[in-house]
């Protein structure tokens, strides 16, 4: 009688099936991880912009208060005092039409009129720290944070020059446009 031999090794078919299953699982995991990283970046920028909005809204409300009850009837002195609320150490640098960043801001949707009226400010990392917002970088590399003030309506708009790419490959720069993005 012949003795039957049993092979206890892994067959080629089993090996191929195992590799295919592992590839599928790793593909799903990588895709999920990439989408989570993208979502985290969006949330990080939104959070930073919300913090900046809260602080700058305080400045614009103080400026609006200085204009009085009827902003249209405000004197030159009242307007000057209101504008001084937006300027100073830690409140950003006023962007002028001759600033190197003004062309980029026009592309983002900030009008030349807003820039020439002196309503647009570029916020630096140092300004953010003086506002009490630490650990947030505002630079050419990470994207400048820009504030557009509307004293009369006591409103601010916050922009980031790098913006956020949406799912349909559109880039949004303004906090108002990305509030509902995930």
N, C-alpha and C. Protein backbone atom coordinates (compact mmCIF):
# COMPACT_ATOMS: atom_id res chain seq x y z
N UNK A 1 0.80 -1.17 0.00
CA UNK A 1 0.00 0.00 0.00
C UNK A 1 0.86 1.24 0.00
N UNK A 2 0.36 2.18 -0.79
CA UNK A 2 1.07 3.46 -0.87
C UNK A 2 0.55 4.40 0.20
N UNK A 3 1.48 5.06 0.78
CA UNK A 3 1.11 6.01 1.80
C UNK A 3 0.76 7.35 1.14
N UNK A 4 -0.36 7.92 1.55
CA UNK A 4 -0.82 9.16 0.97
C UNK A 4 -0.09 10.32 1.65
N UNK A 5 0.44 11.24 0.79
CA UNK A 5 1.13 12.40 1.34
C UNK A 5 0.18 13.59 1.41
N UNK A 6 0.22 14.29 2.49
CA UNK A 6 -0.61 15.49 2.62
C UNK A 6 0.31 16.71 2.55
N UNK A 7 -0.03 17.62 1.65
CA UNK A 7 0.70 18.88 1.56
C UNK A 7 0.06 19.88 2.49
N UNK A 8 0.83 20.43 3.33
CA UNK A 8 0.28 21.40 4.28
C UNK A 8 0.66 22.82 3.90
N UNK A 9 1.17 23.04 2.72
CA UNK A 9 1.57 24.38 2.27
C UNK A 9 0.38 25.17 1.72
N UNK A 10 0.62 26.42 1.41
CA UNK A 10 -0.39 27.31 0.86
C UNK A 10 -0.39 27.15 -0.65
N UNK A 11 -1.56 26.99 -1.20
CA UNK A 11 -1.64 26.85 -2.66
C UNK A 11 -1.53 28.22 -3.30
N UNK A 12 -1.21 28.24 -4.54
CA UNK A 12 -1.07 29.48 -5.30
C UNK A 12 -2.39 30.23 -5.35
N UNK A 13 -3.48 29.53 -5.52
CA UNK A 13 -4.81 30.17 -5.59
C UNK A 13 -5.13 30.87 -4.27
N UNK A 14 -4.86 30.25 -3.16
CA UNK A 14 -5.12 30.85 -1.85
C UNK A 14 -4.27 32.11 -1.67
N UNK A 15 -3.04 32.05 -2.10
CA UNK A 15 -2.13 33.19 -1.99
C UNK A 15 -2.65 34.37 -2.82
N UNK A 16 -3.08 34.14 -4.03
CA UNK A 16 -3.59 35.19 -4.91
C UNK A 16 -4.85 35.81 -4.31
N UNK A 17 -5.75 34.98 -3.82
CA UNK A 17 -6.99 35.49 -3.21
C UNK A 17 -6.67 36.35 -2.00
N UNK A 18 -5.74 35.94 -1.18
CA UNK A 18 -5.34 36.69 0.01
C UNK A 18 -4.76 38.05 -0.39
N UNK A 19 -3.92 38.07 -1.39
CA UNK A 19 -3.30 39.33 -1.85
C UNK A 19 -4.37 40.27 -2.40
N UNK A 20 -5.31 39.76 -3.19
CA UNK A 20 -6.38 40.60 -3.74
C UNK A 20 -7.23 41.20 -2.62
N UNK A 21 -7.57 40.41 -1.64
CA UNK A 21 -8.37 40.91 -0.51
C UNK A 21 -7.60 41.99 0.24
N UNK A 22 -6.31 41.78 0.47
CA UNK A 22 -5.49 42.78 1.16
C UNK A 22 -5.38 44.08 0.36
N UNK A 23 -5.26 43.96 -0.96
CA UNK A 23 -5.20 45.15 -1.81
C UNK A 23 -6.51 45.94 -1.75
N UNK A 24 -7.63 45.25 -1.76
CA UNK A 24 -8.93 45.91 -1.67
C UNK A 24 -9.06 46.63 -0.33
N UNK A 25 -8.71 45.93 0.75
CA UNK A 25 -8.79 46.55 2.08
C UNK A 25 -7.86 47.75 2.21
N UNK A 26 -6.64 47.65 1.69
CA UNK A 26 -5.71 48.78 1.79
C UNK A 26 -6.19 49.95 0.93
N UNK A 27 -6.79 49.68 -0.22
CA UNK A 27 -7.34 50.74 -1.07
C UNK A 27 -8.44 51.50 -0.36
N UNK A 28 -9.32 50.78 0.28
CA UNK A 28 -10.42 51.42 1.02
C UNK A 28 -9.87 52.24 2.19
N UNK A 29 -8.93 51.68 2.91
CA UNK A 29 -8.35 52.36 4.07
C UNK A 29 -7.62 53.63 3.65
N UNK A 30 -6.84 53.55 2.59
CA UNK A 30 -6.08 54.72 2.13
C UNK A 30 -7.05 55.81 1.67
N UNK A 31 -8.07 55.44 0.91
CA UNK A 31 -9.06 56.42 0.44
C UNK A 31 -9.76 57.09 1.62
N UNK A 32 -10.14 56.31 2.61
CA UNK A 32 -10.79 56.84 3.79
C UNK A 32 -9.85 57.78 4.56
N UNK A 33 -8.59 57.38 4.67
CA UNK A 33 -7.60 58.21 5.37
C UNK A 33 -7.36 59.53 4.67
N UNK A 34 -7.25 59.50 3.35
CA UNK A 34 -7.02 60.72 2.58
C UNK A 34 -8.21 61.67 2.72
N UNK A 35 -9.43 61.14 2.66
CA UNK A 35 -10.60 62.00 2.80
C UNK A 35 -10.67 62.59 4.22
N UNK A 36 -10.27 61.84 5.22
CA UNK A 36 -10.25 62.35 6.59
C UNK A 36 -9.22 63.46 6.76
N UNK A 37 -8.08 63.30 6.13
CA UNK A 37 -7.03 64.33 6.20
C UNK A 37 -7.52 65.61 5.52
N UNK A 38 -8.17 65.47 4.37
CA UNK A 38 -8.71 66.63 3.66
C UNK A 38 -9.76 67.33 4.51
N UNK A 39 -10.65 66.55 5.12
CA UNK A 39 -11.69 67.11 5.97
C UNK A 39 -11.08 67.83 7.18
N UNK A 40 -10.02 67.27 7.74
CA UNK A 40 -9.36 67.88 8.89
C UNK A 40 -8.73 69.22 8.50
N UNK A 41 -8.13 69.29 7.32
CA UNK A 41 -7.53 70.55 6.85
C UNK A 41 -8.60 71.62 6.67
N UNK A 42 -9.73 71.23 6.09
CA UNK A 42 -10.84 72.17 5.89
C UNK A 42 -11.33 72.67 7.24
N UNK A 43 -11.51 71.76 8.18
CA UNK A 43 -11.99 72.15 9.52
C UNK A 43 -10.98 73.07 10.21
N UNK A 44 -9.70 72.80 10.03
CA UNK A 44 -8.66 73.62 10.64
C UNK A 44 -8.71 75.05 10.11
N UNK A 45 -8.79 75.20 8.79
CA UNK A 45 -8.85 76.53 8.20
C UNK A 45 -10.14 77.24 8.62
N UNK A 46 -11.26 76.51 8.60
CA UNK A 46 -12.53 77.11 9.03
C UNK A 46 -12.47 77.59 10.47
N UNK A 47 -11.90 76.77 11.34
CA UNK A 47 -11.78 77.14 12.75
C UNK A 47 -10.93 78.39 12.91
N UNK A 48 -9.80 78.43 12.21
CA UNK A 48 -8.93 79.61 12.27
C UNK A 48 -9.68 80.86 11.79
N UNK A 49 -10.41 80.71 10.69
CA UNK A 49 -11.15 81.85 10.15
C UNK A 49 -12.26 82.29 11.10
N UNK A 50 -12.91 81.35 11.76
CA UNK A 50 -13.95 81.70 12.73
C UNK A 50 -13.37 82.44 13.93
N UNK A 51 -12.19 82.02 14.38
CA UNK A 51 -11.53 82.72 15.48
C UNK A 51 -11.17 84.15 15.08
N UNK A 52 -10.65 84.31 13.87
CA UNK A 52 -10.29 85.63 13.38
C UNK A 52 -11.56 86.48 13.22
N UNK A 53 -12.63 85.87 12.73
CA UNK A 53 -13.89 86.60 12.56
C UNK A 53 -14.40 87.11 13.91
N UNK A 54 -14.35 86.29 14.92
CA UNK A 54 -14.84 86.69 16.24
C UNK A 54 -14.06 87.89 16.77
N UNK A 55 -12.75 87.85 16.63
CA UNK A 55 -11.92 88.94 17.16
C UNK A 55 -12.09 90.22 16.34
N UNK A 56 -12.10 90.10 15.01
CA UNK A 56 -12.22 91.29 14.16
C UNK A 56 -13.63 91.88 14.22
N UNK A 57 -14.60 91.03 14.50
CA UNK A 57 -15.98 91.54 14.66
C UNK A 57 -16.04 92.47 15.88
N UNK A 58 -15.28 92.16 16.88
CA UNK A 58 -15.19 93.04 18.06
C UNK A 58 -14.65 94.41 17.64
N UNK A 59 -13.61 94.42 16.80
CA UNK A 59 -13.03 95.68 16.33
C UNK A 59 -14.04 96.49 15.53
N UNK A 60 -14.75 95.82 14.61
CA UNK A 60 -15.68 96.54 13.74
C UNK A 60 -16.90 97.02 14.52
N UNK A 61 -17.31 96.30 15.52
CA UNK A 61 -18.44 96.75 16.36
C UNK A 61 -18.04 97.98 17.17
N UNK A 62 -16.81 98.01 17.65
CA UNK A 62 -16.32 99.21 18.35
C UNK A 62 -16.26 100.40 17.39
N UNK A 63 -15.83 100.14 16.16
CA UNK A 63 -15.76 101.20 15.16
C UNK A 63 -17.16 101.70 14.80
N UNK A 64 -18.09 100.79 14.68
CA UNK A 64 -19.47 101.15 14.37
C UNK A 64 -20.07 101.98 15.50
N UNK A 65 -19.76 101.62 16.73
CA UNK A 65 -20.24 102.37 17.89
C UNK A 65 -19.73 103.81 17.85
N UNK A 66 -18.47 103.97 17.40
CA UNK A 66 -17.88 105.30 17.32
C UNK A 66 -18.56 106.18 16.26
N UNK A 67 -19.21 105.55 15.26
CA UNK A 67 -19.92 106.32 14.23
C UNK A 67 -21.23 106.89 14.76
N UNK A 68 -21.73 106.33 15.81
CA UNK A 68 -22.97 106.83 16.38
C UNK A 68 -24.19 106.14 15.80
N UNK A 69 -25.36 106.66 16.15
CA UNK A 69 -26.63 106.04 15.75
C UNK A 69 -26.87 106.18 14.26
N UNK A 70 -26.47 107.30 13.68
CA UNK A 70 -26.71 107.55 12.26
C UNK A 70 -25.35 107.65 11.54
N UNK A 71 -24.83 106.53 11.05
CA UNK A 71 -23.50 106.54 10.41
C UNK A 71 -23.40 107.49 9.22
N UNK A 72 -24.52 107.70 8.51
CA UNK A 72 -24.50 108.59 7.35
C UNK A 72 -24.28 110.04 7.75
N UNK A 73 -24.61 110.37 8.99
CA UNK A 73 -24.47 111.75 9.47
C UNK A 73 -23.22 111.92 10.34
N UNK A 74 -22.35 110.95 10.35
CA UNK A 74 -21.16 111.01 11.19
C UNK A 74 -20.21 112.11 10.71
N UNK A 75 -19.58 112.78 11.65
CA UNK A 75 -18.63 113.83 11.30
C UNK A 75 -17.30 113.18 10.90
N UNK A 76 -16.44 113.99 10.32
CA UNK A 76 -15.12 113.49 9.90
C UNK A 76 -14.35 112.97 11.11
N UNK A 77 -14.50 113.66 12.24
CA UNK A 77 -13.81 113.25 13.47
C UNK A 77 -14.31 111.88 13.93
N UNK A 78 -15.62 111.66 13.85
CA UNK A 78 -16.20 110.38 14.25
C UNK A 78 -15.72 109.26 13.32
N UNK A 79 -15.66 109.55 12.02
CA UNK A 79 -15.20 108.55 11.05
C UNK A 79 -13.74 108.19 11.29
N UNK A 80 -12.95 109.22 11.59
CA UNK A 80 -11.52 109.00 11.86
C UNK A 80 -11.33 108.14 13.11
N UNK A 81 -12.12 108.42 14.13
CA UNK A 81 -12.04 107.64 15.37
C UNK A 81 -12.47 106.19 15.11
N UNK A 82 -13.50 106.01 14.28
CA UNK A 82 -13.98 104.66 13.94
C UNK A 82 -12.90 103.88 13.20
N UNK A 83 -12.26 104.52 12.24
CA UNK A 83 -11.21 103.85 11.46
C UNK A 83 -10.02 103.50 12.35
N UNK A 84 -9.73 104.34 13.33
CA UNK A 84 -8.60 104.07 14.23
C UNK A 84 -8.83 102.81 15.06
N UNK A 85 -10.10 102.42 15.25
CA UNK A 85 -10.41 101.17 15.96
C UNK A 85 -9.91 99.95 15.19
N UNK A 86 -9.81 100.09 13.87
CA UNK A 86 -9.40 98.96 13.02
C UNK A 86 -7.89 98.92 12.81
N UNK A 87 -7.23 99.99 13.17
CA UNK A 87 -5.79 100.08 12.92
C UNK A 87 -5.03 99.98 14.23
N UNK A 88 -3.77 99.70 14.09
CA UNK A 88 -2.92 99.64 15.27
C UNK A 88 -2.21 98.31 15.37
N UNK A 89 -1.39 98.22 16.37
CA UNK A 89 -0.58 97.03 16.57
C UNK A 89 -1.46 95.80 16.81
N UNK A 90 -1.20 94.77 16.06
CA UNK A 90 -1.93 93.52 16.24
C UNK A 90 -3.26 93.46 15.51
N UNK A 91 -3.54 94.45 14.67
CA UNK A 91 -4.82 94.46 13.97
C UNK A 91 -4.67 94.31 12.47
N UNK A 92 -3.46 94.09 12.00
CA UNK A 92 -3.23 93.86 10.58
C UNK A 92 -2.66 95.08 9.88
N UNK A 93 -2.31 94.87 8.62
CA UNK A 93 -1.75 95.91 7.79
C UNK A 93 -2.74 96.25 6.70
N UNK A 94 -3.03 97.54 6.55
CA UNK A 94 -3.98 97.97 5.53
C UNK A 94 -3.42 97.66 4.15
N UNK A 95 -4.24 97.04 3.30
CA UNK A 95 -3.84 96.72 1.93
C UNK A 95 -4.21 97.91 1.05
N UNK A 96 -3.25 98.36 0.25
CA UNK A 96 -3.51 99.46 -0.68
C UNK A 96 -3.51 98.90 -2.11
N UNK A 97 -3.96 99.73 -3.04
CA UNK A 97 -4.00 99.28 -4.44
C UNK A 97 -2.60 99.01 -4.98
N UNK A 98 -1.58 99.59 -4.36
CA UNK A 98 -0.21 99.36 -4.81
C UNK A 98 0.45 98.17 -4.11
N UNK A 99 -0.25 97.55 -3.16
CA UNK A 99 0.31 96.39 -2.46
C UNK A 99 0.47 95.22 -3.43
N UNK A 100 1.50 94.42 -3.17
CA UNK A 100 1.78 93.28 -4.05
C UNK A 100 0.67 92.24 -4.02
N UNK A 101 -0.10 92.22 -2.97
CA UNK A 101 -1.15 91.20 -2.82
C UNK A 101 -2.49 91.64 -3.43
N UNK A 102 -2.63 92.91 -3.82
CA UNK A 102 -3.93 93.43 -4.26
C UNK A 102 -4.46 92.73 -5.51
N UNK A 103 -3.61 92.37 -6.45
CA UNK A 103 -4.06 91.66 -7.65
C UNK A 103 -4.62 90.29 -7.29
N UNK A 104 -3.94 89.60 -6.40
CA UNK A 104 -4.41 88.29 -5.94
C UNK A 104 -5.76 88.41 -5.24
N UNK A 105 -5.94 89.49 -4.48
CA UNK A 105 -7.21 89.70 -3.78
C UNK A 105 -8.35 89.95 -4.75
N UNK A 106 -8.06 90.65 -5.85
CA UNK A 106 -9.09 90.88 -6.87
C UNK A 106 -9.56 89.56 -7.47
N UNK A 107 -8.64 88.64 -7.69
CA UNK A 107 -8.98 87.33 -8.23
C UNK A 107 -9.86 86.56 -7.25
N UNK A 108 -9.62 86.76 -5.97
CA UNK A 108 -10.38 86.06 -4.92
C UNK A 108 -11.79 86.62 -4.74
N UNK A 109 -12.05 87.79 -5.30
CA UNK A 109 -13.38 88.38 -5.19
C UNK A 109 -13.45 89.64 -4.35
N UNK A 110 -12.32 90.12 -3.87
CA UNK A 110 -12.30 91.38 -3.14
C UNK A 110 -12.15 92.50 -4.17
N UNK A 111 -13.05 93.47 -4.13
CA UNK A 111 -13.07 94.50 -5.17
C UNK A 111 -11.98 95.55 -4.95
N UNK A 112 -11.60 96.20 -6.03
CA UNK A 112 -10.62 97.29 -5.96
C UNK A 112 -11.18 98.44 -5.15
N UNK A 113 -12.50 98.61 -5.18
CA UNK A 113 -13.15 99.67 -4.41
C UNK A 113 -12.96 99.44 -2.91
N UNK A 114 -13.12 98.19 -2.47
CA UNK A 114 -12.91 97.87 -1.05
C UNK A 114 -11.47 98.15 -0.64
N UNK A 115 -10.55 97.82 -1.54
CA UNK A 115 -9.13 98.05 -1.25
C UNK A 115 -8.84 99.55 -1.20
N UNK A 116 -9.31 100.30 -2.20
CA UNK A 116 -9.02 101.74 -2.23
C UNK A 116 -9.74 102.51 -1.12
N UNK A 117 -10.85 101.99 -0.62
CA UNK A 117 -11.56 102.62 0.50
C UNK A 117 -10.88 102.35 1.84
N UNK A 118 -9.87 101.48 1.85
CA UNK A 118 -9.13 101.19 3.08
C UNK A 118 -9.83 100.21 3.99
N UNK A 119 -10.67 99.35 3.43
CA UNK A 119 -11.43 98.39 4.23
C UNK A 119 -10.77 97.03 4.34
N UNK A 120 -9.63 96.82 3.65
CA UNK A 120 -9.01 95.50 3.55
C UNK A 120 -7.70 95.49 4.33
N UNK A 121 -7.56 94.46 5.20
CA UNK A 121 -6.37 94.33 6.03
C UNK A 121 -5.78 92.94 5.89
N UNK A 122 -4.46 92.89 5.82
CA UNK A 122 -3.72 91.62 5.76
C UNK A 122 -3.24 91.32 7.17
N UNK A 123 -3.57 90.11 7.64
CA UNK A 123 -3.24 89.72 9.01
C UNK A 123 -1.99 88.84 8.98
N UNK A 124 -1.01 89.19 9.80
CA UNK A 124 0.22 88.38 9.89
C UNK A 124 0.13 87.43 11.08
N UNK A 125 1.08 86.53 11.17
CA UNK A 125 1.13 85.60 12.31
C UNK A 125 1.29 86.38 13.61
N UNK A 126 2.10 87.43 13.59
CA UNK A 126 2.29 88.26 14.78
C UNK A 126 0.98 88.94 15.18
N UNK A 127 0.22 89.42 14.19
CA UNK A 127 -1.08 90.04 14.49
C UNK A 127 -2.01 89.03 15.15
N UNK A 128 -2.00 87.81 14.63
CA UNK A 128 -2.85 86.76 15.20
C UNK A 128 -2.48 86.49 16.65
N UNK A 129 -1.20 86.43 16.92
CA UNK A 129 -0.75 86.19 18.30
C UNK A 129 -1.18 87.32 19.22
N UNK A 130 -1.12 88.56 18.73
CA UNK A 130 -1.53 89.70 19.55
C UNK A 130 -3.04 89.73 19.74
N UNK A 131 -3.77 89.10 18.84
CA UNK A 131 -5.23 88.97 18.99
C UNK A 131 -5.58 87.87 19.99
N UNK A 132 -4.56 87.08 20.36
CA UNK A 132 -4.80 85.97 21.28
C UNK A 132 -5.00 84.65 20.56
N UNK A 133 -4.73 84.63 19.25
CA UNK A 133 -4.88 83.40 18.45
C UNK A 133 -3.48 82.85 18.21
N UNK A 134 -3.10 81.89 19.02
CA UNK A 134 -1.74 81.35 18.94
C UNK A 134 -1.73 80.04 18.14
N UNK A 135 -0.59 79.76 17.51
CA UNK A 135 -0.44 78.52 16.78
C UNK A 135 -1.02 78.54 15.38
N UNK A 136 -1.44 79.70 14.92
CA UNK A 136 -1.99 79.83 13.57
C UNK A 136 -1.01 80.65 12.74
N UNK A 137 -0.67 80.12 11.59
CA UNK A 137 0.30 80.81 10.73
C UNK A 137 -0.42 81.49 9.58
N UNK A 138 -0.10 82.75 9.38
CA UNK A 138 -0.61 83.53 8.26
C UNK A 138 0.61 83.98 7.47
N UNK A 139 0.84 83.33 6.34
CA UNK A 139 2.03 83.62 5.55
C UNK A 139 1.75 83.28 4.09
N UNK A 140 2.71 83.61 3.25
CA UNK A 140 2.55 83.30 1.83
C UNK A 140 2.47 81.79 1.62
N UNK A 141 3.25 81.05 2.39
CA UNK A 141 3.28 79.59 2.25
C UNK A 141 1.96 78.95 2.68
N UNK A 142 1.45 79.33 3.84
CA UNK A 142 0.22 78.73 4.39
C UNK A 142 -1.04 79.44 3.93
N UNK A 143 -0.88 80.63 3.39
CA UNK A 143 -2.01 81.44 2.98
C UNK A 143 -2.20 82.60 3.95
N UNK A 144 -2.29 83.80 3.39
CA UNK A 144 -2.52 84.98 4.22
C UNK A 144 -3.99 85.03 4.62
N UNK A 145 -4.24 85.47 5.83
CA UNK A 145 -5.61 85.74 6.26
C UNK A 145 -5.88 87.21 5.98
N UNK A 146 -7.00 87.47 5.33
CA UNK A 146 -7.38 88.82 4.92
C UNK A 146 -8.73 89.15 5.56
N UNK A 147 -8.86 90.38 6.06
CA UNK A 147 -10.12 90.83 6.66
C UNK A 147 -10.64 92.01 5.85
N UNK A 148 -11.92 91.95 5.49
CA UNK A 148 -12.58 93.07 4.82
C UNK A 148 -13.63 93.61 5.79
N UNK A 149 -13.44 94.85 6.21
CA UNK A 149 -14.33 95.47 7.19
C UNK A 149 -15.46 96.24 6.49
N UNK A 150 -16.63 96.19 7.07
CA UNK A 150 -17.76 97.02 6.67
C UNK A 150 -18.25 97.67 7.96
N UNK A 151 -17.72 98.87 8.23
CA UNK A 151 -18.01 99.54 9.51
C UNK A 151 -19.50 99.88 9.62
N UNK A 152 -20.06 100.40 8.53
CA UNK A 152 -21.45 100.85 8.57
C UNK A 152 -22.41 99.75 8.98
N UNK A 153 -22.20 98.54 8.43
CA UNK A 153 -23.09 97.41 8.74
C UNK A 153 -22.54 96.53 9.86
N UNK A 154 -21.43 96.94 10.46
CA UNK A 154 -20.80 96.20 11.54
C UNK A 154 -20.58 94.74 11.14
N UNK A 155 -19.90 94.57 10.01
CA UNK A 155 -19.71 93.24 9.44
C UNK A 155 -18.26 93.06 9.00
N UNK A 156 -17.78 91.81 9.02
CA UNK A 156 -16.45 91.47 8.51
C UNK A 156 -16.55 90.25 7.60
N UNK A 157 -15.64 90.20 6.65
CA UNK A 157 -15.50 89.01 5.82
C UNK A 157 -14.06 88.55 5.95
N UNK A 158 -13.87 87.26 6.16
CA UNK A 158 -12.55 86.69 6.34
C UNK A 158 -12.20 85.85 5.12
N UNK A 159 -10.99 86.04 4.61
CA UNK A 159 -10.50 85.30 3.44
C UNK A 159 -9.17 84.63 3.79
N UNK A 160 -8.86 83.57 3.05
CA UNK A 160 -7.54 82.95 3.09
C UNK A 160 -7.06 82.86 1.65
N UNK A 161 -5.84 83.33 1.39
CA UNK A 161 -5.36 83.41 0.01
C UNK A 161 -5.12 82.04 -0.64
N UNK A 162 -4.94 81.01 0.16
CA UNK A 162 -4.79 79.66 -0.41
C UNK A 162 -6.15 79.04 -0.70
N UNK A 163 -7.13 79.36 0.11
CA UNK A 163 -8.47 78.85 -0.10
C UNK A 163 -8.59 77.36 0.17
N UNK A 164 -9.76 76.85 -0.14
CA UNK A 164 -10.07 75.44 0.05
C UNK A 164 -10.64 74.89 -1.24
N UNK A 165 -10.08 73.76 -1.68
CA UNK A 165 -10.62 73.09 -2.87
C UNK A 165 -11.84 72.28 -2.47
N UNK A 166 -12.94 72.49 -3.17
CA UNK A 166 -14.15 71.73 -2.88
C UNK A 166 -14.16 70.44 -3.70
N UNK A 167 -15.18 69.64 -3.49
CA UNK A 167 -15.27 68.35 -4.18
C UNK A 167 -15.36 68.50 -5.69
N UNK A 168 -15.88 69.62 -6.18
CA UNK A 168 -15.97 69.82 -7.63
C UNK A 168 -14.79 70.65 -8.16
N UNK A 169 -13.66 70.61 -7.45
CA UNK A 169 -12.40 71.27 -7.83
C UNK A 169 -12.50 72.78 -7.94
N UNK A 170 -13.44 73.37 -7.26
CA UNK A 170 -13.57 74.81 -7.21
C UNK A 170 -12.84 75.28 -5.95
N UNK A 171 -12.12 76.40 -6.03
CA UNK A 171 -11.43 76.93 -4.87
C UNK A 171 -12.26 78.05 -4.26
N UNK A 172 -12.51 77.94 -2.96
CA UNK A 172 -13.26 78.96 -2.25
C UNK A 172 -12.33 79.62 -1.24
N UNK A 173 -12.42 80.94 -1.17
CA UNK A 173 -11.49 81.71 -0.33
C UNK A 173 -12.15 82.34 0.89
N UNK A 174 -13.44 82.65 0.80
CA UNK A 174 -14.13 83.40 1.84
C UNK A 174 -14.81 82.47 2.84
N UNK A 175 -14.75 82.84 4.11
CA UNK A 175 -15.38 82.05 5.16
C UNK A 175 -16.88 81.87 4.88
N UNK A 176 -17.53 82.90 4.39
CA UNK A 176 -18.96 82.81 4.09
C UNK A 176 -19.25 81.69 3.08
N UNK A 177 -18.32 81.45 2.15
CA UNK A 177 -18.50 80.43 1.12
C UNK A 177 -18.19 79.02 1.62
N UNK A 178 -17.35 78.91 2.64
CA UNK A 178 -16.92 77.58 3.09
C UNK A 178 -17.53 77.15 4.42
N UNK A 179 -18.39 77.96 4.98
CA UNK A 179 -19.00 77.62 6.27
C UNK A 179 -19.64 76.23 6.27
N UNK A 180 -20.28 75.86 5.18
CA UNK A 180 -21.01 74.59 5.13
C UNK A 180 -20.23 73.48 4.43
N UNK A 181 -18.97 73.74 4.07
CA UNK A 181 -18.14 72.71 3.44
C UNK A 181 -17.67 71.70 4.48
N UNK A 182 -17.55 70.47 4.05
CA UNK A 182 -17.00 69.44 4.95
C UNK A 182 -15.93 68.67 4.28
